[in-house]
């Protein structure tokens, strides 16, 4: 997904009449073909290293203030997109860790609809009481139950999801 920054760099490159490989040569890449591919990947995805960004910015004579402004605009956009995603309703789910990094999903009975009831249900479940368990309420919050029955709440940051990542289906 392109970003404000990558679209700006693409527009400056095109305004100067440069192809990606030509820009790569000006930026000091040893292989214009590979460098051109990296430039084009940046323009399309918005992903590049700090070193590459500095090289391309220097070659296109883009000021650091412009880069900082575009990065700030991208950060606001990404934060808003993350907030929209994380607040999107999802059905509660229960996961059980069988061994490190291996989780299975359990079906929650229809009568288990509220957080305290769901926590009590998984806490007293006869099959899974010796395993780490997770009750995910949303993409932002989950309650984990240790083998001894104690619980703790995990809250996602912008970079992650509080639910287990690797699951068996």
N, C-alpha and C. Protein backbone atom coordinates (compact mmCIF):
# COMPACT_ATOMS: atom_id res chain seq x y z
N UNK A 1 0.84 -1.17 0.00
CA UNK A 1 0.00 0.00 0.00
C UNK A 1 0.90 1.24 0.00
N UNK A 2 0.68 2.10 -0.94
CA UNK A 2 1.50 3.30 -1.01
C UNK A 2 1.16 4.25 0.13
N UNK A 3 2.06 5.17 0.38
CA UNK A 3 1.88 6.14 1.46
C UNK A 3 1.98 7.54 0.86
N UNK A 4 1.67 8.54 1.68
CA UNK A 4 1.84 9.92 1.22
C UNK A 4 3.29 10.15 0.79
N UNK A 5 4.22 9.63 1.60
CA UNK A 5 5.64 9.79 1.32
C UNK A 5 6.03 9.13 -0.01
N UNK A 6 5.63 7.88 -0.19
CA UNK A 6 6.03 7.17 -1.42
C UNK A 6 5.38 7.77 -2.66
N UNK A 7 4.14 8.21 -2.54
CA UNK A 7 3.48 8.85 -3.70
C UNK A 7 4.16 10.18 -4.04
N UNK A 8 4.59 10.91 -3.02
CA UNK A 8 5.30 12.17 -3.26
C UNK A 8 6.62 11.91 -3.99
N UNK A 9 7.36 10.92 -3.52
CA UNK A 9 8.64 10.61 -4.16
C UNK A 9 8.42 10.16 -5.61
N UNK A 10 7.39 9.39 -5.85
CA UNK A 10 7.09 8.97 -7.22
C UNK A 10 6.75 10.18 -8.10
N UNK A 11 5.96 11.11 -7.56
CA UNK A 11 5.59 12.29 -8.36
C UNK A 11 6.81 13.16 -8.66
N UNK A 12 7.72 13.31 -7.71
CA UNK A 12 8.94 14.10 -7.95
C UNK A 12 9.82 13.41 -9.00
N UNK A 13 9.94 12.08 -8.88
CA UNK A 13 10.74 11.33 -9.87
C UNK A 13 10.17 11.53 -11.28
N UNK A 14 8.86 11.40 -11.41
CA UNK A 14 8.23 11.55 -12.72
C UNK A 14 8.33 13.00 -13.23
N UNK A 15 8.18 13.97 -12.32
CA UNK A 15 8.28 15.37 -12.70
C UNK A 15 9.67 15.68 -13.25
N UNK A 16 10.68 15.03 -12.69
CA UNK A 16 12.05 15.23 -13.16
C UNK A 16 12.36 14.40 -14.40
N UNK A 17 11.39 13.59 -14.86
CA UNK A 17 11.56 12.81 -16.08
C UNK A 17 12.49 11.61 -15.92
N UNK A 18 12.55 11.05 -14.71
CA UNK A 18 13.44 9.92 -14.45
C UNK A 18 12.68 8.61 -14.38
N UNK A 19 13.30 7.57 -14.91
CA UNK A 19 12.79 6.21 -14.72
C UNK A 19 13.38 5.70 -13.41
N UNK A 20 12.79 4.67 -12.79
CA UNK A 20 13.30 4.15 -11.52
C UNK A 20 14.78 3.78 -11.57
N UNK A 21 15.23 3.16 -12.65
CA UNK A 21 16.64 2.78 -12.77
C UNK A 21 17.56 3.99 -12.84
N UNK A 22 17.10 5.04 -13.52
CA UNK A 22 17.90 6.26 -13.59
C UNK A 22 18.03 6.91 -12.21
N UNK A 23 16.94 6.92 -11.46
CA UNK A 23 16.98 7.46 -10.10
C UNK A 23 17.91 6.63 -9.23
N UNK A 24 17.87 5.32 -9.40
CA UNK A 24 18.75 4.45 -8.63
C UNK A 24 20.22 4.76 -8.92
N UNK A 25 20.55 5.02 -10.17
CA UNK A 25 21.93 5.40 -10.53
C UNK A 25 22.32 6.71 -9.87
N UNK A 26 21.43 7.70 -9.92
CA UNK A 26 21.70 8.99 -9.28
C UNK A 26 21.84 8.86 -7.77
N UNK A 27 21.10 7.91 -7.20
CA UNK A 27 21.13 7.72 -5.74
C UNK A 27 22.35 6.92 -5.30
N UNK A 28 23.09 6.36 -6.24
CA UNK A 28 24.32 5.66 -5.90
C UNK A 28 24.20 4.16 -5.76
N UNK A 29 23.12 3.58 -6.26
CA UNK A 29 23.00 2.12 -6.23
C UNK A 29 23.97 1.52 -7.24
N UNK A 30 24.63 0.44 -6.86
CA UNK A 30 25.62 -0.19 -7.73
C UNK A 30 24.97 -0.77 -8.99
N UNK A 31 23.82 -1.39 -8.84
CA UNK A 31 23.12 -2.00 -9.97
C UNK A 31 21.84 -1.22 -10.23
N UNK A 32 21.76 -0.47 -11.33
CA UNK A 32 20.57 0.34 -11.60
C UNK A 32 19.29 -0.48 -11.73
N UNK A 33 19.40 -1.70 -12.23
CA UNK A 33 18.21 -2.53 -12.38
C UNK A 33 17.65 -2.94 -11.01
N UNK A 34 18.51 -3.45 -10.15
CA UNK A 34 18.08 -3.84 -8.81
C UNK A 34 17.64 -2.62 -8.03
N UNK A 35 18.40 -1.54 -8.12
CA UNK A 35 18.03 -0.31 -7.43
C UNK A 35 16.72 0.25 -7.93
N UNK A 36 16.50 0.18 -9.24
CA UNK A 36 15.23 0.63 -9.82
C UNK A 36 14.06 -0.18 -9.30
N UNK A 37 14.28 -1.49 -9.16
CA UNK A 37 13.22 -2.33 -8.58
C UNK A 37 12.93 -1.92 -7.14
N UNK A 38 13.97 -1.60 -6.39
CA UNK A 38 13.78 -1.18 -5.00
C UNK A 38 13.05 0.16 -4.93
N UNK A 39 13.40 1.08 -5.83
CA UNK A 39 12.71 2.38 -5.90
C UNK A 39 11.23 2.16 -6.19
N UNK A 40 10.95 1.32 -7.19
CA UNK A 40 9.56 1.08 -7.58
C UNK A 40 8.80 0.37 -6.46
N UNK A 41 9.44 -0.56 -5.78
CA UNK A 41 8.80 -1.24 -4.65
C UNK A 41 8.44 -0.23 -3.58
N UNK A 42 9.34 0.70 -3.29
CA UNK A 42 9.06 1.77 -2.32
C UNK A 42 7.87 2.60 -2.77
N UNK A 43 7.82 2.97 -4.04
CA UNK A 43 6.72 3.80 -4.53
C UNK A 43 5.38 3.09 -4.41
N UNK A 44 5.36 1.78 -4.62
CA UNK A 44 4.11 1.03 -4.58
C UNK A 44 3.71 0.60 -3.17
N UNK A 45 4.70 0.31 -2.31
CA UNK A 45 4.38 -0.24 -0.99
C UNK A 45 4.62 0.74 0.15
N UNK A 46 5.45 1.75 -0.07
CA UNK A 46 5.79 2.67 1.00
C UNK A 46 6.85 2.14 1.95
N UNK A 47 7.46 1.00 1.60
CA UNK A 47 8.44 0.36 2.47
C UNK A 47 9.84 0.54 1.90
N UNK A 48 10.74 1.06 2.75
CA UNK A 48 12.15 1.15 2.38
C UNK A 48 12.97 1.39 3.64
N UNK A 49 14.25 1.20 3.52
CA UNK A 49 15.14 1.43 4.67
C UNK A 49 15.41 2.93 4.81
N UNK A 50 15.88 3.31 5.98
CA UNK A 50 16.25 4.72 6.20
C UNK A 50 17.38 5.14 5.26
N UNK A 51 18.33 4.23 5.04
CA UNK A 51 19.45 4.53 4.15
C UNK A 51 18.95 4.79 2.73
N UNK A 52 18.08 3.92 2.24
CA UNK A 52 17.57 4.10 0.89
C UNK A 52 16.77 5.40 0.79
N UNK A 53 15.95 5.69 1.79
CA UNK A 53 15.18 6.93 1.79
C UNK A 53 16.11 8.13 1.71
N UNK A 54 17.18 8.10 2.48
CA UNK A 54 18.14 9.22 2.46
C UNK A 54 18.81 9.34 1.09
N UNK A 55 19.19 8.21 0.49
CA UNK A 55 19.85 8.24 -0.82
C UNK A 55 18.92 8.81 -1.90
N UNK A 56 17.69 8.33 -1.91
CA UNK A 56 16.73 8.77 -2.93
C UNK A 56 16.35 10.22 -2.69
N UNK A 57 16.19 10.62 -1.43
CA UNK A 57 15.85 12.02 -1.11
C UNK A 57 16.97 12.95 -1.56
N UNK A 58 18.20 12.54 -1.34
CA UNK A 58 19.34 13.36 -1.76
C UNK A 58 19.37 13.47 -3.29
N UNK A 59 19.13 12.36 -3.98
CA UNK A 59 19.15 12.37 -5.45
C UNK A 59 18.03 13.23 -6.03
N UNK A 60 16.87 13.25 -5.38
CA UNK A 60 15.74 14.03 -5.87
C UNK A 60 15.71 15.44 -5.27
N UNK A 61 16.64 15.71 -4.34
CA UNK A 61 16.71 17.00 -3.64
C UNK A 61 15.42 17.30 -2.88
N UNK A 62 14.94 16.30 -2.14
CA UNK A 62 13.75 16.47 -1.29
C UNK A 62 14.22 16.89 0.09
N UNK A 63 13.66 17.97 0.60
CA UNK A 63 14.04 18.51 1.90
C UNK A 63 13.57 17.62 3.06
N UNK A 64 14.35 17.60 4.14
CA UNK A 64 14.01 16.80 5.32
C UNK A 64 12.69 17.26 5.94
N UNK A 65 12.39 18.55 5.88
CA UNK A 65 11.13 19.06 6.44
C UNK A 65 9.93 18.46 5.71
N UNK A 66 10.04 18.32 4.40
CA UNK A 66 8.97 17.72 3.60
C UNK A 66 8.81 16.26 3.99
N UNK A 67 9.91 15.56 4.14
CA UNK A 67 9.86 14.14 4.54
C UNK A 67 9.20 14.02 5.90
N UNK A 68 9.60 14.86 6.86
CA UNK A 68 9.03 14.80 8.21
C UNK A 68 7.53 15.06 8.17
N UNK A 69 7.08 16.02 7.39
CA UNK A 69 5.65 16.33 7.29
C UNK A 69 4.87 15.15 6.70
N UNK A 70 5.42 14.56 5.64
CA UNK A 70 4.74 13.42 5.00
C UNK A 70 4.72 12.20 5.92
N UNK A 71 5.81 11.96 6.65
CA UNK A 71 5.83 10.86 7.61
C UNK A 71 4.80 11.07 8.71
N UNK A 72 4.65 12.30 9.18
CA UNK A 72 3.64 12.61 10.20
C UNK A 72 2.24 12.36 9.66
N UNK A 73 2.00 12.76 8.43
CA UNK A 73 0.69 12.53 7.81
C UNK A 73 0.41 11.03 7.67
N UNK A 74 1.44 10.27 7.27
CA UNK A 74 1.28 8.82 7.17
C UNK A 74 0.99 8.20 8.53
N UNK A 75 1.66 8.68 9.57
CA UNK A 75 1.45 8.15 10.92
C UNK A 75 0.00 8.38 11.37
N UNK A 76 -0.53 9.56 11.12
CA UNK A 76 -1.93 9.85 11.46
C UNK A 76 -2.85 8.91 10.70
N UNK A 77 -2.58 8.72 9.42
CA UNK A 77 -3.41 7.82 8.60
C UNK A 77 -3.35 6.39 9.12
N UNK A 78 -2.14 5.89 9.43
CA UNK A 78 -1.98 4.52 9.91
C UNK A 78 -2.65 4.34 11.27
N UNK A 79 -2.53 5.33 12.14
CA UNK A 79 -3.17 5.25 13.46
C UNK A 79 -4.69 5.18 13.32
N UNK A 80 -5.25 6.01 12.45
CA UNK A 80 -6.70 6.00 12.23
C UNK A 80 -7.15 4.66 11.66
N UNK A 81 -6.39 4.11 10.72
CA UNK A 81 -6.75 2.81 10.13
C UNK A 81 -6.68 1.71 11.19
N UNK A 82 -5.65 1.76 12.05
CA UNK A 82 -5.53 0.75 13.10
C UNK A 82 -6.68 0.86 14.08
N UNK A 83 -7.03 2.08 14.48
CA UNK A 83 -8.14 2.27 15.42
C UNK A 83 -9.45 1.73 14.83
N UNK A 84 -9.68 1.98 13.54
CA UNK A 84 -10.88 1.46 12.88
C UNK A 84 -10.88 -0.06 12.88
N UNK A 85 -9.72 -0.66 12.59
CA UNK A 85 -9.63 -2.12 12.56
C UNK A 85 -9.82 -2.73 13.95
N UNK A 86 -9.15 -2.16 14.94
CA UNK A 86 -9.17 -2.76 16.27
C UNK A 86 -10.53 -2.62 16.96
N UNK A 87 -11.31 -1.61 16.60
CA UNK A 87 -12.62 -1.43 17.22
C UNK A 87 -13.74 -2.12 16.46
N UNK A 88 -13.42 -2.72 15.34
CA UNK A 88 -14.40 -3.48 14.57
C UNK A 88 -14.86 -4.67 15.42
N UNK A 89 -16.17 -4.86 15.57
CA UNK A 89 -16.64 -5.98 16.41
C UNK A 89 -16.21 -7.34 15.85
N UNK A 90 -15.76 -8.20 16.74
CA UNK A 90 -15.44 -9.58 16.40
C UNK A 90 -16.07 -10.47 17.47
N UNK A 91 -16.44 -11.68 17.11
CA UNK A 91 -17.02 -12.56 18.13
C UNK A 91 -15.95 -12.98 19.14
N UNK A 92 -16.33 -13.09 20.42
CA UNK A 92 -15.36 -13.57 21.41
C UNK A 92 -14.87 -14.97 21.03
N UNK A 93 -13.64 -15.27 21.40
CA UNK A 93 -13.07 -16.57 21.07
C UNK A 93 -12.25 -17.07 22.25
N UNK A 94 -12.15 -18.40 22.37
CA UNK A 94 -11.34 -19.02 23.42
C UNK A 94 -10.26 -19.84 22.75
N UNK A 95 -9.02 -19.70 23.26
CA UNK A 95 -7.88 -20.44 22.75
C UNK A 95 -7.19 -21.14 23.91
N UNK A 96 -6.65 -22.33 23.64
CA UNK A 96 -5.93 -23.10 24.65
C UNK A 96 -4.55 -23.41 24.09
N UNK A 97 -3.51 -23.17 24.91
CA UNK A 97 -2.15 -23.46 24.49
C UNK A 97 -1.83 -24.91 24.85
N UNK A 98 -1.61 -25.72 23.82
CA UNK A 98 -1.26 -27.12 24.04
C UNK A 98 0.19 -27.29 24.42
N UNK A 99 1.04 -26.50 23.78
CA UNK A 99 2.47 -26.45 24.05
C UNK A 99 2.95 -25.11 23.53
N UNK A 100 4.17 -24.69 23.85
CA UNK A 100 4.62 -23.38 23.39
C UNK A 100 4.38 -23.17 21.89
N UNK A 101 3.72 -22.05 21.59
CA UNK A 101 3.42 -21.61 20.23
C UNK A 101 2.35 -22.42 19.52
N UNK A 102 1.73 -23.38 20.16
CA UNK A 102 0.67 -24.17 19.54
C UNK A 102 -0.62 -23.97 20.32
N UNK A 103 -1.59 -23.32 19.66
CA UNK A 103 -2.88 -23.00 20.28
C UNK A 103 -4.00 -23.64 19.47
N UNK A 104 -5.08 -24.00 20.15
CA UNK A 104 -6.29 -24.46 19.45
C UNK A 104 -7.43 -23.53 19.85
N UNK A 105 -8.39 -23.40 18.96
CA UNK A 105 -9.57 -22.58 19.23
C UNK A 105 -10.69 -23.48 19.72
N UNK A 106 -11.41 -23.01 20.72
CA UNK A 106 -12.57 -23.75 21.25
C UNK A 106 -13.84 -23.00 20.90
N UNK A 107 -14.89 -23.75 20.66
CA UNK A 107 -16.19 -23.13 20.44
C UNK A 107 -16.76 -22.71 21.80
N UNK A 108 -17.28 -21.51 21.87
CA UNK A 108 -17.89 -21.03 23.09
C UNK A 108 -19.37 -21.39 23.05
N UNK A 109 -19.89 -22.03 24.10
CA UNK A 109 -21.33 -22.34 24.11
C UNK A 109 -22.17 -21.06 24.01
N UNK A 110 -23.32 -21.17 23.38
CA UNK A 110 -24.16 -19.99 23.15
C UNK A 110 -24.61 -19.32 24.45
N UNK A 111 -24.75 -20.09 25.52
CA UNK A 111 -25.19 -19.49 26.79
C UNK A 111 -24.08 -18.70 27.48
N UNK A 112 -22.84 -18.85 27.00
CA UNK A 112 -21.71 -18.11 27.56
C UNK A 112 -21.55 -16.83 26.73
N UNK A 113 -22.17 -15.74 27.20
CA UNK A 113 -22.18 -14.53 26.39
C UNK A 113 -21.49 -13.35 27.05
N UNK A 114 -21.28 -13.38 28.34
CA UNK A 114 -20.66 -12.25 29.03
C UNK A 114 -19.28 -12.63 29.53
N UNK A 115 -18.43 -11.62 29.70
CA UNK A 115 -17.03 -11.85 30.08
C UNK A 115 -16.89 -12.68 31.36
N UNK A 116 -17.54 -12.32 32.47
CA UNK A 116 -17.33 -13.10 33.70
C UNK A 116 -17.77 -14.56 33.55
N UNK A 117 -18.84 -14.77 32.80
CA UNK A 117 -19.33 -16.15 32.60
C UNK A 117 -18.35 -16.92 31.73
N UNK A 118 -17.83 -16.30 30.70
CA UNK A 118 -16.86 -16.96 29.81
C UNK A 118 -15.58 -17.30 30.56
N UNK A 119 -15.09 -16.38 31.38
CA UNK A 119 -13.89 -16.65 32.16
C UNK A 119 -14.12 -17.81 33.11
N UNK A 120 -15.26 -17.82 33.79
CA UNK A 120 -15.57 -18.92 34.71
C UNK A 120 -15.72 -20.24 33.96
N UNK A 121 -16.33 -20.19 32.77
CA UNK A 121 -16.52 -21.41 31.98
C UNK A 121 -15.17 -22.03 31.61
N UNK A 122 -14.25 -21.21 31.08
CA UNK A 122 -12.96 -21.76 30.69
C UNK A 122 -12.10 -22.10 31.90
N UNK A 123 -12.26 -21.36 33.00
CA UNK A 123 -11.50 -21.64 34.23
C UNK A 123 -11.88 -23.01 34.79
N UNK A 124 -13.14 -23.39 34.69
CA UNK A 124 -13.61 -24.66 35.25
C UNK A 124 -13.73 -25.78 34.23
N UNK A 125 -13.35 -25.53 32.99
CA UNK A 125 -13.45 -26.56 31.95
C UNK A 125 -12.56 -27.74 32.35
N UNK A 126 -13.12 -28.94 32.45
CA UNK A 126 -12.35 -30.08 32.97
C UNK A 126 -11.19 -30.51 32.08
N UNK A 127 -11.27 -30.33 30.78
CA UNK A 127 -10.23 -30.80 29.88
C UNK A 127 -9.02 -29.88 29.86
N UNK A 128 -9.22 -28.58 29.99
CA UNK A 128 -8.15 -27.62 29.72
C UNK A 128 -7.60 -26.92 30.95
N UNK A 129 -7.91 -27.41 32.16
CA UNK A 129 -7.49 -26.69 33.36
C UNK A 129 -5.97 -26.69 33.57
N UNK A 130 -5.24 -27.56 32.91
CA UNK A 130 -3.77 -27.60 33.08
C UNK A 130 -3.02 -26.87 31.96
N UNK A 131 -3.72 -26.05 31.23
CA UNK A 131 -3.12 -25.33 30.11
C UNK A 131 -3.35 -23.83 30.26
N UNK A 132 -2.48 -23.06 29.61
CA UNK A 132 -2.71 -21.62 29.51
C UNK A 132 -3.88 -21.42 28.57
N UNK A 133 -4.83 -20.57 28.98
CA UNK A 133 -6.03 -20.33 28.18
C UNK A 133 -6.18 -18.84 27.92
N UNK A 134 -6.83 -18.51 26.83
CA UNK A 134 -7.02 -17.12 26.43
C UNK A 134 -8.47 -16.92 25.99
N UNK A 135 -9.12 -15.92 26.56
CA UNK A 135 -10.46 -15.54 26.12
C UNK A 135 -10.31 -14.17 25.46
N UNK A 136 -10.45 -14.13 24.15
CA UNK A 136 -10.28 -12.89 23.39
C UNK A 136 -11.64 -12.22 23.23
N UNK A 137 -11.75 -11.00 23.77
CA UNK A 137 -13.01 -10.26 23.72
C UNK A 137 -13.11 -9.43 22.46
N UNK A 138 -11.99 -9.00 21.99
CA UNK A 138 -11.94 -8.14 20.81
C UNK A 138 -10.53 -8.25 20.24
N UNK A 139 -10.25 -7.43 19.24
CA UNK A 139 -8.89 -7.41 18.71
C UNK A 139 -7.95 -6.62 19.62
N UNK A 140 -8.52 -5.98 20.62
CA UNK A 140 -7.73 -5.12 21.48
C UNK A 140 -7.51 -5.70 22.88
N UNK A 141 -8.37 -6.58 23.32
CA UNK A 141 -8.27 -7.05 24.70
C UNK A 141 -8.56 -8.55 24.81
N UNK A 142 -7.77 -9.20 25.66
CA UNK A 142 -7.96 -10.63 25.93
C UNK A 142 -7.61 -10.90 27.39
N UNK A 143 -8.27 -11.89 27.96
CA UNK A 143 -7.97 -12.33 29.33
C UNK A 143 -7.27 -13.67 29.23
N UNK A 144 -6.13 -13.79 29.87
CA UNK A 144 -5.37 -15.03 29.90
C UNK A 144 -5.55 -15.67 31.26
N UNK A 145 -5.72 -17.00 31.29
CA UNK A 145 -5.82 -17.75 32.53
C UNK A 145 -4.65 -18.72 32.60
N UNK A 146 -3.89 -18.59 33.67
CA UNK A 146 -2.76 -19.50 33.88
C UNK A 146 -3.27 -20.85 34.35
N UNK A 147 -2.35 -21.82 34.40
CA UNK A 147 -2.70 -23.17 34.84
C UNK A 147 -3.26 -23.18 36.26
N UNK A 148 -2.79 -22.26 37.12
CA UNK A 148 -3.28 -22.22 38.51
C UNK A 148 -4.60 -21.47 38.65
N UNK A 149 -5.17 -20.97 37.55
CA UNK A 149 -6.47 -20.30 37.59
C UNK A 149 -6.39 -18.79 37.70
N UNK A 150 -5.22 -18.23 37.98
CA UNK A 150 -5.11 -16.77 38.05
C UNK A 150 -5.21 -16.18 36.65
N UNK A 151 -5.72 -14.96 36.60
CA UNK A 151 -5.97 -14.32 35.31
C UNK A 151 -5.22 -13.01 35.20
N UNK A 152 -4.93 -12.63 33.96
CA UNK A 152 -4.39 -11.31 33.67
C UNK A 152 -4.94 -10.85 32.32
N UNK A 153 -5.01 -9.54 32.15
CA UNK A 153 -5.56 -8.97 30.93
C UNK A 153 -4.42 -8.47 30.05
N UNK A 154 -4.51 -8.78 28.78
CA UNK A 154 -3.54 -8.30 27.79
C UNK A 154 -4.27 -7.31 26.88
N UNK A 155 -3.65 -6.17 26.65
CA UNK A 155 -4.22 -5.15 25.78
C UNK A 155 -3.25 -4.90 24.63
N UNK A 156 -3.80 -4.86 23.43
CA UNK A 156 -2.97 -4.68 22.23
C UNK A 156 -2.48 -3.25 22.12
N UNK A 157 -1.31 -3.12 21.56
CA UNK A 157 -0.80 -1.82 21.15
C UNK A 157 -1.00 -1.72 19.65
N UNK A 158 -0.56 -0.65 19.04
CA UNK A 158 -0.76 -0.51 17.60
C UNK A 158 -0.05 -1.59 16.80
N UNK A 159 0.97 -2.19 17.37
CA UNK A 159 1.74 -3.17 16.61
C UNK A 159 1.24 -4.59 16.76
N UNK A 160 0.27 -4.83 17.63
CA UNK A 160 -0.07 -6.22 17.84
C UNK A 160 -1.50 -6.50 18.22
N UNK A 161 -1.76 -7.74 18.42
CA UNK A 161 -3.06 -8.27 18.75
C UNK A 161 -2.86 -9.08 20.03
N UNK A 162 -3.74 -8.96 21.01
CA UNK A 162 -3.49 -9.68 22.27
C UNK A 162 -3.78 -11.17 22.19
N UNK A 163 -4.38 -11.62 21.10
CA UNK A 163 -4.72 -13.03 20.97
C UNK A 163 -3.49 -13.84 20.56
N UNK A 164 -3.52 -15.15 20.82
CA UNK A 164 -2.41 -16.00 20.36
C UNK A 164 -2.28 -15.93 18.84
N UNK A 165 -1.06 -16.03 18.36
CA UNK A 165 -0.83 -15.89 16.92
C UNK A 165 -0.85 -17.20 16.16
N UNK A 166 -0.29 -18.25 16.71
CA UNK A 166 -0.22 -19.52 15.98
C UNK A 166 -1.27 -20.47 16.57
N UNK A 167 -2.16 -20.94 15.70
CA UNK A 167 -3.24 -21.79 16.18
C UNK A 167 -3.39 -23.01 15.29
N UNK A 168 -3.84 -24.11 15.87
CA UNK A 168 -4.26 -25.27 15.09
C UNK A 168 -5.75 -25.16 14.90
N UNK A 169 -6.24 -25.56 13.76
CA UNK A 169 -7.70 -25.49 13.52
C UNK A 169 -8.29 -26.85 13.52
